[in-house]
Amino acid sequence: GGRSSRPWVACCMLDSAPRFDAASVARLARDRFGLDGTARALFSERDQNFLIDTGNATRVVLKIANAREDPAILEAQQAMLGHLATRVPFTPRVVPAAGGGRLFTLADGEGRSHRAWAVTFLTGAPLADTVHPSAALLASLGRSVARLDNALADFDHPAVHRDFAWDFAHARRTVGERRALISDDFLGRAIDAVCAAFDRWTAPHLGSLRCGVIHNDLNDYNVLVSDVCGPEAVAQAVTGIVDFGDIVASYAVGDLATAIAYAILDAVDPLAQASAVVSAYHAERALDESELGALFGLVAIRLCLSACMAATQMLERPDNSYLGISQQRIRAALPRLAATPFGLAEAVFRNACGMAPVVTSAGVA
């Protein structure tokens, strides 16, 4: 675990990112955790994550948080992981330090304080590395997200009730506020079409949606999958869900919406791939009428939100070429979603759940 695909991190957070080298982190792992091994940096933008490998099958990820990170969110992450530890097998476990503490403070060379902690390392490749996910893998994704949501149904923490730009409850408003930053006409037209359909089809359902604490960032780099496949191998399946830094109290169906949004980015037939995820999810955690009515709109608005947040970040950091490159798949996918009638998507999702499609007198356009 440890990779994030968040190119939209606020500029001030990037400027406050930790900058510890591998040698000092290896010493930290030895002194604080009694782990004598090598440290290798894992990709991260606003934080630092290092894989500590002792060479004897013990591997942990040592996480150093941004100086601006709210300590209460770190505590909420640890509480959530502790809650999940006895309920699902595919999330990291918090690793206590040698003295029993789970969160400690580090000073960097610039007078800033960072909080550090460690979790178990999960094996697997990012879902993003699977170009054409199989039906079995999509079903595994749906089941895993449902099991995660079931496990979180009785979890709460004061810190997750926060005003957060990536909260689905604010997504439509945030897209509207930042739409003017999209200079790409092709992308902008797709966002406008999604917003119009969202206002017509999705918004009426929002007030009826179940709420709960969600992971909130099940993008295709935060979902790990087995990297074995083939006629004589075990079918690909989800092996891990990582990076709980965006946890928030929001619409409970938000995790499913995010997972689908990134799983279908390269799909020629997005509804077919999404339906495979929806069907498996529903078998584990039944979706209700409002959730099925809102789901496709939430999938589409999540990608609009990502595009708008990336545009904000590119305006603040035009020197960072990664920000634009990471959005190319979304730019290609959004027009396909915008061209999909939301009413049709709802009918397809209902059919995937064994429910009769509902067609209004206005049709499915």
Protein backbone atom coordinates (compact mmCIF):
# COMPACT_ATOMS: atom_id res chain seq x y z
CA GLY A 1 0.00 0.00 0.00
CA GLY A 2 0.97 3.63 0.17
CA ARG A 3 0.35 5.03 -3.29
CA SER A 4 -2.09 7.89 -3.76
CA SER A 5 -3.45 9.19 -7.05
CA ARG A 6 -4.54 12.51 -5.69
CA PRO A 7 -3.16 15.21 -8.00
CA TRP A 8 -5.48 17.78 -6.51
CA VAL A 9 -3.93 18.24 -3.08
CA ALA A 10 -4.06 21.85 -1.95
CA CYS A 11 -0.90 23.84 -2.63
CA CYS A 12 -0.25 24.61 1.02
CA MET A 13 -0.39 20.88 1.83
CA LEU A 14 2.20 20.12 -0.82
CA ASP A 15 4.45 22.85 0.55
CA SER A 16 4.19 21.28 4.01
CA ALA A 17 4.97 17.75 2.89
CA PRO A 18 7.64 15.89 4.88
CA ARG A 19 11.04 15.39 3.24
CA PHE A 20 12.82 12.68 5.23
CA ASP A 21 15.39 10.50 3.48
CA ALA A 22 15.40 6.71 3.45
CA ALA A 23 18.41 6.41 5.79
CA SER A 24 16.79 8.49 8.53
CA VAL A 25 13.52 6.59 8.15
CA ALA A 26 15.36 3.26 8.46
CA ARG A 27 16.88 4.52 11.71
CA LEU A 28 13.45 5.66 12.87
CA ALA A 29 12.00 2.21 12.16
CA ARG A 30 14.80 0.58 14.14
CA ASP A 31 14.62 2.99 17.10
CA ARG A 32 10.84 3.29 17.35
CA PHE A 33 9.61 -0.09 16.13
CA GLY A 34 12.56 -2.40 16.62
CA LEU A 35 12.57 -3.15 12.88
CA ASP A 36 16.06 -3.47 11.47
CA GLY A 37 15.69 -3.27 7.71
CA THR A 38 15.75 -1.16 4.58
CA ALA A 39 13.45 1.77 3.83
CA ARG A 40 12.10 2.37 0.33
CA ALA A 41 9.97 5.40 -0.53
CA LEU A 42 6.47 4.69 -1.85
CA PHE A 43 4.69 7.21 -4.02
CA SER A 44 2.82 9.90 -2.12
CA GLU A 45 2.16 13.59 -2.64
CA ARG A 46 1.23 15.34 0.55
CA ASP A 47 2.73 12.76 2.95
CA GLN A 48 5.62 10.32 2.92
CA ASN A 49 5.24 6.55 3.01
CA PHE A 50 8.16 4.12 3.28
CA LEU A 51 8.19 0.36 2.96
CA ILE A 52 10.29 -1.09 5.78
CA ASP A 53 11.56 -4.54 4.78
CA THR A 54 13.43 -6.57 7.38
CA GLY A 55 14.20 -9.40 4.99
CA ASN A 56 12.44 -11.98 7.17
CA ALA A 57 8.86 -11.59 5.89
CA THR A 58 8.14 -8.65 8.18
CA ARG A 59 7.15 -5.62 6.13
CA VAL A 60 5.42 -2.49 7.36
CA VAL A 61 4.61 0.90 5.86
CA LEU A 62 5.92 3.76 7.95
CA LYS A 63 3.74 6.80 7.34
CA ILE A 64 4.90 10.40 7.97
CA ALA A 65 2.03 12.86 7.80
CA ASN A 66 1.98 16.34 6.35
CA ALA A 67 2.77 19.07 8.87
CA ARG A 68 -0.70 20.55 8.22
CA GLU A 69 -2.60 17.31 8.71
CA ASP A 70 -5.23 17.46 11.46
CA PRO A 71 -4.11 15.06 14.23
CA ALA A 72 -7.75 14.18 14.85
CA ILE A 73 -8.01 12.77 11.32
CA LEU A 74 -4.97 10.58 11.95
CA GLU A 75 -6.56 9.36 15.16
CA ALA A 76 -9.80 8.69 13.29
CA GLN A 77 -7.91 6.67 10.67
CA GLN A 78 -6.32 4.56 13.37
CA ALA A 79 -9.65 4.07 15.10
CA MET A 80 -11.25 3.02 11.82
CA LEU A 81 -8.47 0.56 11.02
CA GLY A 82 -8.76 -0.88 14.51
CA HIS A 83 -12.51 -1.26 14.01
CA LEU A 84 -11.99 -2.98 10.65
CA ALA A 85 -9.22 -5.29 11.88
CA THR A 86 -11.63 -7.84 13.31
CA ARG A 87 -14.21 -7.46 10.54
CA VAL A 88 -12.46 -7.61 7.15
CA PRO A 89 -9.17 -9.23 6.06
CA PHE A 90 -8.12 -6.74 3.40
CA THR A 91 -7.32 -3.51 5.28
CA PRO A 92 -4.00 -2.59 6.94
CA ARG A 93 -3.50 -3.08 10.67
CA VAL A 94 -1.93 -0.37 12.81
CA VAL A 95 1.51 -1.42 14.07
CA PRO A 96 2.29 -0.12 17.58
CA ALA A 97 5.72 1.28 18.31
CA ALA A 98 8.11 -0.50 20.66
CA GLY A 99 6.83 1.52 23.63
CA GLY A 100 3.20 0.85 22.78
CA GLY A 101 2.39 4.23 21.23
CA ARG A 102 0.64 4.43 17.89
CA LEU A 103 1.33 8.04 16.87
CA PHE A 104 4.43 10.07 17.60
CA THR A 105 5.90 13.40 16.57
CA LEU A 106 8.98 14.03 14.42
CA ALA A 107 10.77 17.32 13.85
CA ASP A 108 12.19 18.01 10.40
CA GLY A 109 15.12 20.27 9.54
CA GLU A 110 12.85 23.23 8.81
CA GLY A 111 11.27 23.59 12.23
CA ARG A 112 8.05 21.75 11.40
CA SER A 113 6.46 18.86 13.26
CA HIS A 114 5.16 15.75 11.54
CA ARG A 115 3.26 12.85 13.04
CA ALA A 116 4.36 9.34 12.17
CA TRP A 117 2.81 5.91 12.50
CA ALA A 118 2.98 2.50 10.89
CA VAL A 119 0.66 -0.06 9.34
CA THR A 120 1.08 -3.55 7.96
CA PHE A 121 2.06 -3.87 4.31
CA LEU A 122 -0.53 -5.40 1.98
CA THR A 123 0.50 -7.33 -1.10
CA GLY A 124 -1.03 -6.79 -4.50
CA ALA A 125 -0.86 -4.55 -7.53
CA PRO A 126 -2.99 -1.41 -7.95
CA LEU A 127 -6.25 -2.01 -9.79
CA ALA A 128 -5.05 0.74 -12.15
CA ASP A 129 -2.46 -1.70 -13.53
CA THR A 130 -5.23 -4.03 -14.76
CA VAL A 131 -6.13 -2.68 -18.18
CA HIS A 132 -9.12 -4.95 -18.78
CA PRO A 133 -10.59 -6.11 -15.45
CA SER A 134 -12.31 -9.47 -15.70
CA ALA A 135 -15.88 -10.10 -14.64
CA ALA A 136 -14.48 -12.03 -11.66
CA LEU A 137 -12.34 -9.09 -10.60
CA LEU A 138 -15.21 -6.63 -10.95
CA ALA A 139 -17.39 -8.93 -8.83
CA SER A 140 -14.62 -9.16 -6.23
CA LEU A 141 -14.46 -5.37 -6.18
CA GLY A 142 -18.20 -5.13 -5.57
CA ARG A 143 -18.13 -7.70 -2.78
CA SER A 144 -15.13 -6.10 -1.11
CA VAL A 145 -16.63 -2.62 -1.11
CA ALA A 146 -19.89 -4.01 0.27
CA ARG A 147 -18.05 -5.83 3.06
CA LEU A 148 -16.12 -2.66 3.87
CA ASP A 149 -19.36 -0.68 4.04
CA ASN A 150 -21.05 -3.33 6.18
CA ALA A 151 -18.09 -3.27 8.56
CA LEU A 152 -18.23 0.52 8.80
CA ALA A 153 -21.98 0.65 9.40
CA ASP A 154 -21.49 0.85 13.18
CA PHE A 155 -18.33 2.98 13.17
CA ASP A 156 -18.19 6.68 14.00
CA HIS A 157 -15.63 9.26 15.10
CA PRO A 158 -16.09 13.00 15.77
CA ALA A 159 -13.33 14.00 13.33
CA VAL A 160 -15.01 12.49 10.27
CA HIS A 161 -17.91 14.93 10.54
CA ARG A 162 -16.00 17.62 8.69
CA ASP A 163 -16.39 20.17 5.92
CA PHE A 164 -14.48 18.41 3.17
CA ALA A 165 -14.33 19.31 -0.51
CA TRP A 166 -14.37 15.62 -1.50
CA ASP A 167 -17.59 14.89 0.41
CA PHE A 168 -20.22 13.66 -2.06
CA ALA A 169 -22.75 15.84 -0.27
CA HIS A 170 -20.89 18.92 -1.57
CA ALA A 171 -19.69 17.54 -4.90
CA ARG A 172 -22.25 19.18 -7.19
CA ARG A 173 -21.74 22.57 -5.55
CA THR A 174 -17.95 22.29 -5.71
CA VAL A 175 -18.04 21.37 -9.39
CA GLY A 176 -20.23 24.38 -10.07
CA GLU A 177 -17.89 26.69 -8.19
CA ARG A 178 -14.79 25.44 -10.03
CA ARG A 179 -16.22 24.76 -13.49
CA ALA A 180 -14.83 28.05 -14.83
CA LEU A 181 -11.30 26.73 -14.25
CA ILE A 182 -11.80 24.07 -16.95
CA SER A 183 -10.30 25.60 -20.08
CA ASP A 184 -10.63 22.43 -22.17
CA ASP A 185 -13.89 22.86 -24.14
CA PHE A 186 -14.24 19.13 -24.82
CA LEU A 187 -14.01 18.30 -21.13
CA GLY A 188 -16.08 21.31 -20.12
CA ARG A 189 -19.01 20.30 -22.31
CA ALA A 190 -18.99 16.82 -20.78
CA ILE A 191 -19.00 18.29 -17.26
CA ASP A 192 -21.91 20.61 -18.17
CA ALA A 193 -23.91 17.68 -19.55
CA VAL A 194 -23.24 15.60 -16.44
CA CYS A 195 -24.29 18.46 -14.16
CA ALA A 196 -27.54 19.00 -16.07
CA ALA A 197 -28.40 15.31 -15.86
CA PHE A 198 -27.34 15.20 -12.21
CA ASP A 199 -29.67 18.07 -11.34
CA ARG A 200 -32.57 16.36 -13.11
CA TRP A 201 -32.09 12.70 -12.18
CA THR A 202 -29.80 12.46 -9.17
CA ALA A 203 -30.48 15.46 -6.95
CA PRO A 204 -34.06 14.37 -6.09
CA HIS A 205 -32.69 11.19 -4.50
CA LEU A 206 -30.00 12.75 -2.32
CA GLY A 207 -32.21 13.59 0.64
CA SER A 208 -33.26 9.95 0.95
CA LEU A 209 -29.80 8.37 0.88
CA ARG A 210 -28.44 6.42 3.85
CA CYS A 211 -25.48 8.11 5.50
CA GLY A 212 -22.44 6.68 7.24
CA VAL A 213 -18.68 6.85 7.55
CA ILE A 214 -16.93 5.92 4.29
CA HIS A 215 -13.39 5.46 3.00
CA ASN A 216 -14.21 8.08 0.35
CA ASP A 217 -11.23 7.48 -1.95
CA LEU A 218 -11.55 4.02 -3.50
CA ASN A 219 -9.72 5.03 -6.64
CA ASP A 220 -7.86 2.44 -8.66
CA TYR A 221 -4.55 3.05 -6.86
CA ASN A 222 -6.07 2.51 -3.42
CA VAL A 223 -7.55 -0.86 -4.37
CA LEU A 224 -4.96 -3.66 -4.57
CA VAL A 225 -5.55 -6.85 -6.53
CA SER A 226 -3.80 -10.19 -6.85
CA ASP A 227 -1.39 -10.11 -9.77
CA VAL A 228 -1.92 -13.72 -10.82
CA CYS A 229 -4.34 -14.68 -13.54
CA GLY A 230 -4.66 -17.16 -16.37
CA PRO A 231 -6.31 -20.51 -17.07
CA GLU A 232 -4.38 -22.38 -14.36
CA ALA A 233 -4.17 -19.58 -11.82
CA VAL A 234 -6.59 -18.25 -9.27
CA ALA A 235 -8.86 -15.57 -10.73
CA GLN A 236 -7.82 -12.01 -9.92
CA ALA A 237 -9.40 -10.67 -6.76
CA VAL A 238 -9.15 -7.69 -4.45
CA THR A 239 -6.41 -8.22 -1.86
CA GLY A 240 -6.29 -4.84 -0.15
CA ILE A 241 -7.86 -1.44 0.39
CA VAL A 242 -5.43 1.26 1.50
CA ASP A 243 -5.10 5.01 2.15
CA PHE A 244 -7.79 6.06 4.62
CA GLY A 245 -6.82 9.74 4.63
CA ASP A 246 -10.06 10.99 3.06
CA ILE A 247 -12.50 9.36 5.47
CA VAL A 248 -15.69 11.34 6.00
CA ALA A 249 -19.28 10.95 7.12
CA SER A 250 -21.30 11.11 3.90
CA TYR A 251 -23.64 9.12 1.68
CA ALA A 252 -23.04 5.44 2.43
CA VAL A 253 -23.22 4.56 -1.28
CA GLY A 254 -20.32 6.92 -1.96
CA ASP A 255 -17.68 4.20 -1.68
CA LEU A 256 -19.43 2.14 -4.33
CA ALA A 257 -19.76 5.19 -6.58
CA THR A 258 -16.06 6.02 -6.30
CA ALA A 259 -14.96 2.44 -6.86
CA ILE A 260 -17.10 2.21 -10.00
CA ALA A 261 -15.94 5.59 -11.29
CA TYR A 262 -12.30 4.50 -11.43
CA ALA A 263 -12.95 0.87 -12.37
CA ILE A 264 -14.73 1.90 -15.58
CA LEU A 265 -12.39 4.69 -16.71
CA ASP A 266 -11.15 2.72 -19.72
CA ALA A 267 -14.31 0.72 -20.35
CA VAL A 268 -15.76 0.58 -23.84
CA ASP A 269 -19.12 -0.33 -22.26
CA PRO A 270 -19.13 1.47 -18.87
CA LEU A 271 -22.62 0.27 -17.89
CA ALA A 272 -21.73 -3.38 -18.41
CA GLN A 273 -18.63 -3.14 -16.22
CA ALA A 274 -20.42 -1.04 -13.61
CA SER A 275 -23.27 -3.55 -13.49
CA ALA A 276 -20.88 -6.38 -12.62
CA VAL A 277 -19.72 -4.37 -9.61
CA VAL A 278 -23.25 -3.34 -8.63
CA SER A 279 -24.63 -6.89 -8.80
CA ALA A 280 -21.91 -8.29 -6.54
CA TYR A 281 -22.22 -5.37 -4.10
CA HIS A 282 -26.01 -5.79 -3.87
CA ALA A 283 -25.65 -9.49 -3.06
CA GLU A 284 -23.62 -8.56 0.03
CA ARG A 285 -25.25 -5.27 0.99
CA ALA A 286 -28.64 -4.55 -0.52
CA LEU A 287 -28.99 -1.24 -2.33
CA ASP A 288 -32.29 0.58 -1.85
CA GLU A 289 -34.40 2.48 -4.37
CA SER A 290 -32.82 5.86 -3.71
CA GLU A 291 -29.28 4.49 -3.90
CA LEU A 292 -29.97 2.83 -7.24
CA GLY A 293 -31.52 6.04 -8.50
CA ALA A 294 -28.57 8.18 -7.42
CA LEU A 295 -25.66 5.83 -8.12
CA PHE A 296 -24.80 6.62 -11.73
CA GLY A 297 -25.02 10.36 -11.11
CA LEU A 298 -22.66 10.02 -8.15
CA VAL A 299 -20.23 8.03 -10.32
CA ALA A 300 -20.22 10.74 -12.96
CA ILE A 301 -20.05 13.70 -10.57
CA ARG A 302 -17.07 12.13 -8.80
CA LEU A 303 -15.08 12.27 -12.04
CA CYS A 304 -16.25 15.83 -12.67
CA LEU A 305 -15.08 16.73 -9.18
CA SER A 306 -11.68 15.16 -9.83
CA ALA A 307 -11.29 17.16 -13.05
CA CYS A 308 -12.26 20.43 -11.37
CA MET A 309 -10.02 19.88 -8.37
CA ALA A 310 -7.12 19.02 -10.67
CA ALA A 311 -7.73 22.24 -12.61
CA THR A 312 -7.53 24.14 -9.33
CA GLN A 313 -4.26 22.48 -8.49
CA MET A 314 -2.77 23.04 -11.95
CA LEU A 315 -3.58 26.72 -11.63
CA GLU A 316 -1.64 26.85 -8.37
CA ARG A 317 1.23 24.64 -9.56
CA PRO A 318 1.60 24.95 -13.34
CA ASP A 319 5.12 23.53 -13.08
CA ASN A 320 3.82 20.10 -12.05
CA SER A 321 3.29 18.22 -15.32
CA TYR A 322 1.98 15.14 -13.45
CA LEU A 323 -1.25 16.96 -12.65
CA GLY A 324 -2.30 17.12 -16.28
CA ILE A 325 -1.16 13.64 -17.27
CA SER A 326 -3.13 12.00 -14.50
CA GLN A 327 -6.37 13.47 -15.83
CA GLN A 328 -6.21 12.09 -19.37
CA ARG A 329 -8.19 8.95 -18.58
CA ILE A 330 -10.92 11.00 -16.91
CA ARG A 331 -11.01 13.36 -19.90
CA ALA A 332 -11.61 10.35 -22.14
CA ALA A 333 -14.18 8.72 -19.87
CA LEU A 334 -16.40 11.66 -18.92
CA PRO A 335 -17.92 12.21 -22.38
CA ARG A 336 -18.91 8.53 -22.48
CA LEU A 337 -20.68 8.90 -19.13
CA ALA A 338 -22.25 12.21 -20.14
CA ALA A 339 -23.69 10.53 -23.25
CA THR A 340 -25.26 7.75 -21.16
CA PRO A 341 -28.89 8.49 -20.21
CA PHE A 342 -29.08 8.52 -16.41
CA GLY A 343 -32.49 6.89 -16.48
CA LEU A 344 -31.14 4.06 -18.59
CA ALA A 345 -28.24 3.59 -16.17
CA GLU A 346 -30.70 3.32 -13.28
CA ALA A 347 -32.73 0.70 -15.15
CA VAL A 348 -29.59 -1.30 -15.95
CA PHE A 349 -28.44 -1.17 -12.33
CA ARG A 350 -31.86 -2.24 -11.09
CA ASN A 351 -31.82 -5.16 -13.51
CA ALA A 352 -28.37 -6.15 -12.23
CA CYS A 353 -29.89 -6.32 -8.74
CA GLY A 354 -32.81 -8.46 -9.89
CA MET A 355 -35.28 -5.59 -9.63
CA ALA A 356 -37.76 -4.47 -12.25
CA PRO A 357 -36.59 -1.42 -14.24
CA VAL A 358 -38.56 1.73 -13.63
CA VAL A 359 -39.28 3.83 -16.72
CA THR A 360 -41.01 7.13 -16.15
CA SER A 361 -43.36 8.77 -18.59
CA ALA A 362 -40.47 11.05 -19.55
CA GLY A 363 -38.49 8.07 -20.79
CA VAL A 364 -34.88 7.42 -19.98
CA ALA A 365 -33.23 10.23 -21.91
